[in-house]
Amino acid sequence: MGYVKTPEEVARLREVLAEAHFVGGEMLAVRYRTDREAAAHVLPPGLELPDDPVASVVVGRWRSNCVGDFSGGAQYVRARRDGIEASYVVTMFMDADVPMIFGRDLYGEPKKIASIGLFRQAHRATGWIERGGVRLIEIEAQLGADRGPSTGTSADFNVKAMLAADGQGLDGDATITLAEYRSSIVVDRPAEAQLVLRSTPHDPLGELPVEEVLGASYTEGDMTATCRAIGTIPGEAFFPYALGRYDDFTLLDTEAPAALVAA
């Protein structure tokens, strides 16, 4: 219970860090075809674009065995490495600090705090993610009939990286991780969805434009997550991508009066 964990506490924490459970989940997801050059541009060295430039967004909420109850969402691009095809997490949002820290520090997920909403009534579902007063993701969906329970697996690519203390690069090389999920779905409803993406200087989700909606779904279920390192990226090569995960600090200058900054 203190700042330094006992051997018993360390063993208990190792167990949950090795395998996290996210249960009672509700997820509204949309897959879409995006611009090929834009999709290739956001993928870091070590990941390549499959033949079809497919992106996706998810808005959801869960209970867990490790971070409490939370809502979250993300934007992804399909990618490939060494014969493995998975979703690369371009940006991710959480509504609380504990799930943000867990996924960021353990898996390398590029997380930020945001306001998140997911609502379903009968055959209609709405999901949104808002940050800085802007609805970055907005989904309106008409739900079809439930396809019934199922089990499955999925995976995400992430990159773990830490800024160097002097701010001039990374503290060593970046690590490519593969988060793997085993899912047990109890409700699976296909959907016809409208997706709107908006950009700000800090969250440029519109850089992956929606060219064609390929499919959507509303699901409920549980999932178990594990993660492993699968490679590295030289720190200098990943530094521009790492900076893109943060807000633009130069646009948050409150040191000087606005008139002087404009001048």
C-alpha atoms as a PDB file:
ATOM      1  CA  MET A   1       0.000   0.000   0.000  1.00  0.00           C
ATOM      2  CA  GLY A   2       3.046   2.293   0.113  1.00  0.00           C
ATOM      3  CA  TYR A   3       5.457   3.994  -2.266  1.00  0.00           C
ATOM      4  CA  VAL A   4       7.615   0.851  -2.361  1.00  0.00           C
ATOM      5  CA  LYS A   5       5.677  -2.346  -2.989  1.00  0.00           C
ATOM      6  CA  THR A   6       6.195  -5.484  -0.926  1.00  0.00           C
ATOM      7  CA  PRO A   7       7.151  -8.756  -2.662  1.00  0.00           C
ATOM      8  CA  GLU A   8       3.536  -9.893  -2.332  1.00  0.00           C
ATOM      9  CA  GLU A   9       2.231  -6.679  -3.890  1.00  0.00           C
ATOM     10  CA  VAL A  10       4.781  -6.919  -6.707  1.00  0.00           C
ATOM     11  CA  ALA A  11       3.625 -10.463  -7.510  1.00  0.00           C
ATOM     12  CA  ARG A  12      -0.023  -9.354  -7.560  1.00  0.00           C
ATOM     13  CA  LEU A  13       0.732  -6.390  -9.816  1.00  0.00           C
ATOM     14  CA  ARG A  14       2.851  -8.489 -12.184  1.00  0.00           C
ATOM     15  CA  GLU A  15      -0.122 -10.772 -12.702  1.00  0.00           C
ATOM     16  CA  VAL A  16      -2.485  -8.011 -13.774  1.00  0.00           C
ATOM     17  CA  LEU A  17       0.189  -6.274 -15.888  1.00  0.00           C
ATOM     18  CA  ALA A  18       0.755  -9.532 -17.778  1.00  0.00           C
ATOM     19  CA  GLU A  19      -2.941 -10.063 -18.561  1.00  0.00           C
ATOM     20  CA  ALA A  20      -5.541  -7.311 -18.315  1.00  0.00           C
ATOM     21  CA  HIS A  21      -9.286  -7.984 -18.422  1.00  0.00           C
ATOM     22  CA  PHE A  22     -11.738  -5.468 -19.893  1.00  0.00           C
ATOM     23  CA  VAL A  23     -15.314  -6.635 -19.336  1.00  0.00           C
ATOM     24  CA  GLY A  24     -18.866  -5.461 -19.898  1.00  0.00           C
ATOM     25  CA  GLY A  25     -17.633  -3.567 -22.922  1.00  0.00           C
ATOM     26  CA  GLU A  26     -19.825  -1.594 -25.325  1.00  0.00           C
ATOM     27  CA  MET A  27     -18.139  -0.566 -28.581  1.00  0.00           C
ATOM     28  CA  LEU A  28     -19.238   1.403 -31.627  1.00  0.00           C
ATOM     29  CA  ALA A  29     -16.761   0.949 -34.477  1.00  0.00           C
ATOM     30  CA  VAL A  30     -16.484   2.227 -38.058  1.00  0.00           C
ATOM     31  CA  ARG A  31     -14.079   1.023 -40.754  1.00  0.00           C
ATOM     32  CA  TYR A  32     -13.308   3.287 -43.690  1.00  0.00           C
ATOM     33  CA  ARG A  33     -11.083   3.583 -46.727  1.00  0.00           C
ATOM     34  CA  THR A  34      -8.709   6.521 -46.487  1.00  0.00           C
ATOM     35  CA  ASP A  35      -6.108   8.247 -48.648  1.00  0.00           C
ATOM     36  CA  ARG A  36      -3.158   5.954 -49.393  1.00  0.00           C
ATOM     37  CA  GLU A  37      -0.460   8.623 -49.067  1.00  0.00           C
ATOM     38  CA  ALA A  38      -1.921   9.896 -45.813  1.00  0.00           C
ATOM     39  CA  ALA A  39      -2.071   6.390 -44.343  1.00  0.00           C
ATOM     40  CA  ALA A  40       1.509   5.617 -45.366  1.00  0.00           C
ATOM     41  CA  HIS A  41       2.660   8.953 -43.945  1.00  0.00           C
ATOM     42  CA  VAL A  42       1.477   8.231 -40.383  1.00  0.00           C
ATOM     43  CA  LEU A  43       3.076   4.769 -40.222  1.00  0.00           C
ATOM     44  CA  PRO A  44       6.508   4.839 -38.555  1.00  0.00           C
ATOM     45  CA  PRO A  45       9.569   2.980 -39.884  1.00  0.00           C
ATOM     46  CA  GLY A  46       9.179  -0.750 -39.377  1.00  0.00           C
ATOM     47  CA  LEU A  47       5.491  -0.838 -40.339  1.00  0.00           C
ATOM     48  CA  GLU A  48       4.174  -0.972 -43.887  1.00  0.00           C
ATOM     49  CA  LEU A  49       0.813  -0.311 -45.456  1.00  0.00           C
ATOM     50  CA  PRO A  50      -1.195  -3.300 -46.756  1.00  0.00           C
ATOM     51  CA  ASP A  51      -2.625  -3.150 -50.276  1.00  0.00           C
ATOM     52  CA  ASP A  52      -5.850  -1.455 -49.169  1.00  0.00           C
ATOM     53  CA  PRO A  53      -5.504   1.742 -47.049  1.00  0.00           C
ATOM     54  CA  VAL A  54      -8.080   0.989 -44.335  1.00  0.00           C
ATOM     55  CA  ALA A  55      -8.534   3.078 -41.201  1.00  0.00           C
ATOM     56  CA  SER A  56     -11.013   2.775 -38.368  1.00  0.00           C
ATOM     57  CA  VAL A  57     -12.329   4.520 -35.278  1.00  0.00           C
ATOM     58  CA  VAL A  58     -13.797   3.033 -32.104  1.00  0.00           C
ATOM     59  CA  VAL A  59     -15.693   4.623 -29.216  1.00  0.00           C
ATOM     60  CA  GLY A  60     -16.451   2.474 -26.183  1.00  0.00           C
ATOM     61  CA  ARG A  61     -16.665   1.935 -22.445  1.00  0.00           C
ATOM     62  CA  TRP A  62     -15.557  -0.924 -20.193  1.00  0.00           C
ATOM     63  CA  ARG A  63     -15.092  -2.261 -16.690  1.00  0.00           C
ATOM     64  CA  SER A  64     -11.758  -3.831 -15.815  1.00  0.00           C
ATOM     65  CA  ASN A  65      -9.602  -5.773 -13.362  1.00  0.00           C
ATOM     66  CA  CYS A  66      -6.894  -3.097 -13.402  1.00  0.00           C
ATOM     67  CA  VAL A  67      -7.990   0.491 -14.160  1.00  0.00           C
ATOM     68  CA  GLY A  68     -11.582   0.745 -12.917  1.00  0.00           C
ATOM     69  CA  ASP A  69     -14.479   1.804 -15.145  1.00  0.00           C
ATOM     70  CA  PHE A  70     -13.588   3.975 -18.128  1.00  0.00           C
ATOM     71  CA  SER A  71     -14.568   5.207 -21.565  1.00  0.00           C
ATOM     72  CA  GLY A  72     -12.168   5.500 -24.476  1.00  0.00           C
ATOM     73  CA  GLY A  73     -11.690   5.555 -28.196  1.00  0.00           C
ATOM     74  CA  ALA A  74      -9.085   5.621 -30.915  1.00  0.00           C
ATOM     75  CA  GLN A  75      -8.189   6.084 -34.570  1.00  0.00           C
ATOM     76  CA  TYR A  76      -6.301   3.257 -36.301  1.00  0.00           C
ATOM     77  CA  VAL A  77      -4.652   2.396 -39.627  1.00  0.00           C
ATOM     78  CA  ARG A  78      -4.138  -1.193 -40.788  1.00  0.00           C
ATOM     79  CA  ALA A  79      -0.446  -2.047 -41.000  1.00  0.00           C
ATOM     80  CA  ARG A  80       1.867  -5.007 -41.497  1.00  0.00           C
ATOM     81  CA  ARG A  81       5.201  -6.191 -40.099  1.00  0.00           C
ATOM     82  CA  ASP A  82       6.967  -9.533 -40.618  1.00  0.00           C
ATOM     83  CA  GLY A  83       3.800 -11.220 -41.858  1.00  0.00           C
ATOM     84  CA  ILE A  84       1.658  -9.867 -39.010  1.00  0.00           C
ATOM     85  CA  GLU A  85      -1.255  -7.627 -39.997  1.00  0.00           C
ATOM     86  CA  ALA A  86      -2.797  -5.528 -37.217  1.00  0.00           C
ATOM     87  CA  SER A  87      -4.139  -2.066 -36.479  1.00  0.00           C
ATOM     88  CA  TYR A  88      -1.586   0.659 -35.761  1.00  0.00           C
ATOM     89  CA  VAL A  89      -2.897   3.036 -33.110  1.00  0.00           C
ATOM     90  CA  VAL A  90      -2.531   6.558 -34.540  1.00  0.00           C
ATOM     91  CA  THR A  91      -4.125   8.302 -31.547  1.00  0.00           C
ATOM     92  CA  MET A  92      -6.129   7.198 -28.513  1.00  0.00           C
ATOM     93  CA  PHE A  93      -8.247   8.938 -25.893  1.00  0.00           C
ATOM     94  CA  MET A  94      -9.330   8.053 -22.343  1.00  0.00           C
ATOM     95  CA  ASP A  95     -11.664   9.807 -19.924  1.00  0.00           C
ATOM     96  CA  ALA A  96      -9.485   9.182 -16.836  1.00  0.00           C
ATOM     97  CA  ASP A  97      -5.810   9.212 -15.923  1.00  0.00           C
ATOM     98  CA  VAL A  98      -5.447   5.605 -14.676  1.00  0.00           C
ATOM     99  CA  PRO A  99      -6.404   3.867 -17.969  1.00  0.00           C
ATOM    100  CA  MET A 100      -4.353   6.480 -19.826  1.00  0.00           C
ATOM    101  CA  ILE A 101      -1.225   5.747 -17.793  1.00  0.00           C
ATOM    102  CA  PHE A 102      -1.709   1.955 -17.879  1.00  0.00           C
ATOM    103  CA  GLY A 103      -1.927   1.684 -21.662  1.00  0.00           C
ATOM    104  CA  ARG A 104       0.613   4.411 -22.406  1.00  0.00           C
ATOM    105  CA  ASP A 105       3.389   3.197 -20.103  1.00  0.00           C
ATOM    106  CA  LEU A 106       2.813  -0.541 -20.580  1.00  0.00           C
ATOM    107  CA  TYR A 107       1.809  -0.940 -24.250  1.00  0.00           C
ATOM    108  CA  GLY A 108       3.001   2.384 -25.691  1.00  0.00           C
ATOM    109  CA  GLU A 109      -0.498   3.548 -26.653  1.00  0.00           C
ATOM    110  CA  PRO A 110      -0.550   7.251 -27.678  1.00  0.00           C
ATOM    111  CA  LYS A 111      -3.195   8.339 -25.171  1.00  0.00           C
ATOM    112  CA  LYS A 112      -4.671  11.691 -24.186  1.00  0.00           C
ATOM    113  CA  ILE A 113      -7.486  12.739 -21.842  1.00  0.00           C
ATOM    114  CA  ALA A 114     -10.801  13.592 -23.525  1.00  0.00           C
ATOM    115  CA  SER A 115     -14.553  13.643 -22.961  1.00  0.00           C
ATOM    116  CA  ILE A 116     -16.259  10.586 -24.430  1.00  0.00           C
ATOM    117  CA  GLY A 117     -19.891   9.649 -24.989  1.00  0.00           C
ATOM    118  CA  LEU A 118     -21.604   6.456 -26.153  1.00  0.00           C
ATOM    119  CA  PHE A 119     -25.389   6.119 -26.206  1.00  0.00           C
ATOM    120  CA  ARG A 120     -27.689   3.435 -27.588  1.00  0.00           C
ATOM    121  CA  GLN A 121     -31.466   3.289 -27.770  1.00  0.00           C
ATOM    122  CA  ALA A 122     -33.228   0.510 -29.673  1.00  0.00           C
ATOM    123  CA  HIS A 123     -31.825   0.616 -33.214  1.00  0.00           C
ATOM    124  CA  ARG A 124     -29.787   3.826 -32.936  1.00  0.00           C
ATOM    125  CA  ALA A 125     -26.336   4.468 -31.458  1.00  0.00           C
ATOM    126  CA  THR A 126     -24.248   7.615 -31.132  1.00  0.00           C
ATOM    127  CA  GLY A 127     -20.599   7.894 -30.164  1.00  0.00           C
ATOM    128  CA  TRP A 128     -18.294  10.886 -29.862  1.00  0.00           C
ATOM    129  CA  ILE A 129     -14.927  12.017 -28.560  1.00  0.00           C
ATOM    130  CA  GLU A 130     -14.405  15.665 -27.642  1.00  0.00           C
ATOM    131  CA  ARG A 131     -11.192  17.451 -26.693  1.00  0.00           C
ATOM    132  CA  GLY A 132     -10.459  21.152 -26.431  1.00  0.00           C
ATOM    133  CA  GLY A 133     -14.089  21.973 -27.196  1.00  0.00           C
ATOM    134  CA  VAL A 134     -14.010  20.109 -30.548  1.00  0.00           C
ATOM    135  CA  ARG A 135     -15.867  16.894 -31.432  1.00  0.00           C
ATOM    136  CA  LEU A 136     -12.916  15.063 -32.988  1.00  0.00           C
ATOM    137  CA  ILE A 137     -14.923  11.899 -33.678  1.00  0.00           C
ATOM    138  CA  GLU A 138     -18.679  11.777 -34.204  1.00  0.00           C
ATOM    139  CA  ILE A 139     -20.565   8.602 -35.174  1.00  0.00           C
ATOM    140  CA  GLU A 140     -24.276   8.248 -35.896  1.00  0.00           C
ATOM    141  CA  ALA A 141     -25.370   4.664 -36.545  1.00  0.00           C
ATOM    142  CA  GLN A 142     -28.519   2.707 -37.384  1.00  0.00           C
ATOM    143  CA  LEU A 143     -28.206  -0.808 -35.965  1.00  0.00           C
ATOM    144  CA  GLY A 144     -29.269  -4.026 -37.598  1.00  0.00           C
ATOM    145  CA  ALA A 145     -30.280  -7.360 -36.078  1.00  0.00           C
ATOM    146  CA  ASP A 146     -27.993  -9.059 -33.579  1.00  0.00           C
ATOM    147  CA  ARG A 147     -25.750 -11.654 -35.226  1.00  0.00           C
ATOM    148  CA  GLY A 148     -25.337 -13.482 -31.919  1.00  0.00           C
ATOM    149  CA  PRO A 149     -22.401 -14.431 -29.685  1.00  0.00           C
ATOM    150  CA  SER A 150     -18.925 -15.210 -30.973  1.00  0.00           C
ATOM    151  CA  THR A 151     -15.274 -15.385 -29.968  1.00  0.00           C
ATOM    152  CA  GLY A 152     -12.290 -13.922 -31.777  1.00  0.00           C
ATOM    153  CA  THR A 153      -8.834 -12.411 -31.667  1.00  0.00           C
ATOM    154  CA  SER A 154      -7.362  -9.099 -32.770  1.00  0.00           C
ATOM    155  CA  ALA A 155      -4.126  -7.165 -32.373  1.00  0.00           C
ATOM    156  CA  ASP A 156      -2.725  -3.617 -32.306  1.00  0.00           C
ATOM    157  CA  PHE A 157       0.715  -2.244 -33.110  1.00  0.00           C
ATOM    158  CA  ASN A 158       2.002   0.454 -30.734  1.00  0.00           C
ATOM    159  CA  VAL A 159       5.367   2.124 -30.181  1.00  0.00           C
ATOM    160  CA  LYS A 160       6.874   2.792 -26.747  1.00  0.00           C
ATOM    161  CA  ALA A 161       9.155   5.832 -26.642  1.00  0.00           C
ATOM    162  CA  MET A 162      10.375   8.318 -24.042  1.00  0.00           C
ATOM    163  CA  LEU A 163      11.678  11.825 -24.663  1.00  0.00           C
ATOM    164  CA  ALA A 164      15.292  12.428 -23.654  1.00  0.00           C
ATOM    165  CA  ALA A 165      15.828  14.647 -20.616  1.00  0.00           C
ATOM    166  CA  ASP A 166      17.288  17.464 -22.752  1.00  0.00           C
ATOM    167  CA  GLY A 167      14.302  17.412 -25.130  1.00  0.00           C
ATOM    168  CA  GLN A 168      16.493  16.947 -28.199  1.00  0.00           C
ATOM    169  CA  GLY A 169      15.522  13.401 -29.080  1.00  0.00           C
ATOM    170  CA  LEU A 170      14.436  10.130 -27.547  1.00  0.00           C
ATOM    171  CA  ASP A 171      15.923   8.341 -24.569  1.00  0.00           C
ATOM    172  CA  GLY A 172      17.224   5.435 -26.661  1.00  0.00           C
ATOM    173  CA  ASP A 173      15.459   3.518 -29.390  1.00  0.00           C
ATOM    174  CA  ALA A 174      11.688   3.145 -29.599  1.00  0.00           C
ATOM    175  CA  THR A 175      10.095  -0.279 -29.074  1.00  0.00           C
ATOM    176  CA  ILE A 176       7.405  -1.701 -31.356  1.00  0.00           C
ATOM    177  CA  THR A 177       4.834  -3.644 -29.336  1.00  0.00           C
ATOM    178  CA  LEU A 178       2.037  -5.983 -30.320  1.00  0.00           C
ATOM    179  CA  ALA A 179      -1.017  -5.933 -28.039  1.00  0.00           C
ATOM    180  CA  GLU A 180      -3.112  -9.057 -28.574  1.00  0.00           C
ATOM    181  CA  TYR A 181      -6.767  -9.415 -27.570  1.00  0.00           C
ATOM    182  CA  ARG A 182      -9.032 -12.418 -27.036  1.00  0.00           C
ATOM    183  CA  SER A 183     -12.674 -11.371 -27.246  1.00  0.00           C
ATOM    184  CA  SER A 184     -15.944 -12.951 -26.198  1.00  0.00           C
ATOM    185  CA  ILE A 185     -18.786 -11.086 -27.890  1.00  0.00           C
ATOM    186  CA  VAL A 186     -22.353 -11.415 -26.602  1.00  0.00           C
ATOM    187  CA  VAL A 187     -24.049  -8.783 -28.813  1.00  0.00           C
ATOM    188  CA  ASP A 188     -22.937  -8.073 -32.382  1.00  0.00           C
ATOM    189  CA  ARG A 189     -25.095  -5.713 -34.450  1.00  0.00           C
ATOM    190  CA  PRO A 190     -23.987  -4.531 -37.900  1.00  0.00           C
ATOM    191  CA  ALA A 191     -24.648  -0.882 -38.573  1.00  0.00           C
ATOM    192  CA  GLU A 192     -25.011   1.746 -41.233  1.00  0.00           C
ATOM    193  CA  ALA A 193     -22.982   4.672 -39.957  1.00  0.00           C
ATOM    194  CA  GLN A 194     -22.091   8.245 -40.689  1.00  0.00           C
ATOM    195  CA  LEU A 195     -18.625   9.254 -39.502  1.00  0.00           C
ATOM    196  CA  VAL A 196     -17.313  12.786 -39.072  1.00  0.00           C
ATOM    197  CA  LEU A 197     -13.668  13.493 -38.196  1.00  0.00           C
ATOM    198  CA  ARG A 198     -12.447  16.924 -37.162  1.00  0.00           C
ATOM    199  CA  SER A 199      -8.956  18.306 -36.632  1.00  0.00           C
ATOM    200  CA  THR A 200      -7.256  20.743 -34.315  1.00  0.00           C
ATOM    201  CA  PRO A 201      -3.578  21.765 -34.274  1.00  0.00           C
ATOM    202  CA  HIS A 202      -3.097  19.220 -31.458  1.00  0.00           C
ATOM    203  CA  ASP A 203      -5.325  16.407 -32.753  1.00  0.00           C
ATOM    204  CA  PRO A 204      -5.247  16.213 -36.577  1.00  0.00           C
ATOM    205  CA  LEU A 205      -7.647  13.282 -37.029  1.00  0.00           C
ATOM    206  CA  GLY A 206      -8.811  14.713 -40.347  1.00  0.00           C
ATOM    207  CA  GLU A 207      -5.413  13.923 -41.854  1.00  0.00           C
ATOM    208  CA  LEU A 208      -6.834  10.433 -42.451  1.00  0.00           C
ATOM    209  CA  PRO A 209      -9.898  11.463 -44.484  1.00  0.00           C
ATOM    210  CA  VAL A 210     -13.001   9.325 -44.848  1.00  0.00           C
ATOM    211  CA  GLU A 211     -13.158   8.362 -48.531  1.00  0.00           C
ATOM    212  CA  GLU A 212     -15.644   5.504 -48.138  1.00  0.00           C
ATOM    213  CA  VAL A 213     -17.300   3.895 -45.105  1.00  0.00           C
ATOM    214  CA  LEU A 214     -16.652   0.145 -45.393  1.00  0.00           C
ATOM    215  CA  GLY A 215     -18.636  -1.112 -42.428  1.00  0.00           C
ATOM    216  CA  ALA A 216     -19.716  -0.445 -38.871  1.00  0.00           C
ATOM    217  CA  SER A 217     -20.845  -2.381 -35.821  1.00  0.00           C
ATOM    218  CA  TYR A 218     -22.086  -2.099 -32.269  1.00  0.00           C
ATOM    219  CA  THR A 219     -20.816  -4.866 -29.976  1.00  0.00           C
ATOM    220  CA  GLU A 220     -20.959  -5.846 -26.318  1.00  0.00           C
ATOM    221  CA  GLY A 221     -18.565  -8.250 -24.653  1.00  0.00           C
ATOM    222  CA  ASP A 222     -15.350  -8.952 -22.772  1.00  0.00           C
ATOM    223  CA  MET A 223     -11.719  -9.042 -23.826  1.00  0.00           C
ATOM    224  CA  THR A 224      -8.392 -10.139 -22.378  1.00  0.00           C
ATOM    225  CA  ALA A 225      -5.227  -8.233 -23.335  1.00  0.00           C
ATOM    226  CA  THR A 226      -1.576  -9.258 -23.401  1.00  0.00           C
ATOM    227  CA  CYS A 227       1.376  -7.454 -24.967  1.00  0.00           C
ATOM    228  CA  ARG A 228       4.914  -8.182 -26.171  1.00  0.00           C
ATOM    229  CA  ALA A 229       7.807  -6.339 -27.789  1.00  0.00           C
ATOM    230  CA  ILE A 230       8.463  -7.320 -31.408  1.00  0.00           C
ATOM    231  CA  GLY A 231      11.146  -4.892 -32.617  1.00  0.00           C
ATOM    232  CA  THR A 232      12.790  -1.498 -32.333  1.00  0.00           C
ATOM    233  CA  ILE A 233      12.987   1.765 -34.283  1.00  0.00           C
ATOM    234  CA  PRO A 234      16.081   4.022 -34.072  1.00  0.00           C
ATOM    235  CA  GLY A 235      15.292   6.902 -31.750  1.00  0.00           C
ATOM    236  CA  GLU A 236      16.229   9.585 -34.272  1.00  0.00           C
ATOM    237  CA  ALA A 237      13.899   8.065 -36.880  1.00  0.00           C
ATOM    238  CA  PHE A 238      10.916   7.889 -34.514  1.00  0.00           C
ATOM    239  CA  PHE A 239      11.422  11.314 -32.883  1.00  0.00           C
ATOM    240  CA  PRO A 240       9.111  13.201 -35.328  1.00  0.00           C
ATOM    241  CA  TYR A 241       6.384  10.603 -34.759  1.00  0.00           C
ATOM    242  CA  ALA A 242       6.854  10.792 -30.992  1.00  0.00           C
ATOM    243  CA  LEU A 243       6.438  14.573 -31.024  1.00  0.00           C
ATOM    244  CA  GLY A 244       3.257  14.165 -33.059  1.00  0.00           C
ATOM    245  CA  ARG A 245       1.688  12.227 -30.178  1.00  0.00           C
ATOM    246  CA  TYR A 246       1.830  15.233 -27.893  1.00  0.00           C
ATOM    247  CA  ASP A 247       0.032  18.541 -28.087  1.00  0.00           C
ATOM    248  CA  ASP A 248       2.099  21.164 -29.902  1.00  0.00           C
ATOM    249  CA  PHE A 249       3.824  22.767 -26.914  1.00  0.00           C
ATOM    250  CA  THR A 250       4.819  25.825 -28.948  1.00  0.00           C
ATOM    251  CA  LEU A 251       1.125  26.670 -29.435  1.00  0.00           C
ATOM    252  CA  LEU A 252       0.514  26.613 -25.677  1.00  0.00           C
ATOM    253  CA  ASP A 253       2.806  29.529 -24.840  1.00  0.00           C
ATOM    254  CA  THR A 254       1.235  31.681 -22.122  1.00  0.00           C
ATOM    255  CA  GLU A 255       4.546  33.207 -21.045  1.00  0.00           C
ATOM    256  CA  ALA A 256       4.331  36.305 -23.241  1.00  0.00           C
ATOM    257  CA  PRO A 257       1.318  38.613 -23.743  1.00  0.00           C
ATOM    258  CA  ALA A 258      -0.722  37.730 -26.821  1.00  0.00           C
ATOM    259  CA  ALA A 259       0.152  40.989 -28.546  1.00  0.00           C
ATOM    260  CA  LEU A 260       3.865  40.264 -28.257  1.00  0.00           C
ATOM    261  CA  VAL A 261       3.420  36.689 -29.471  1.00  0.00           C
ATOM    262  CA  ALA A 262       1.489  37.938 -32.540  1.00  0.00           C
ATOM    263  CA  ALA A 263       4.185  40.496 -33.274  1.00  0.00           C
END
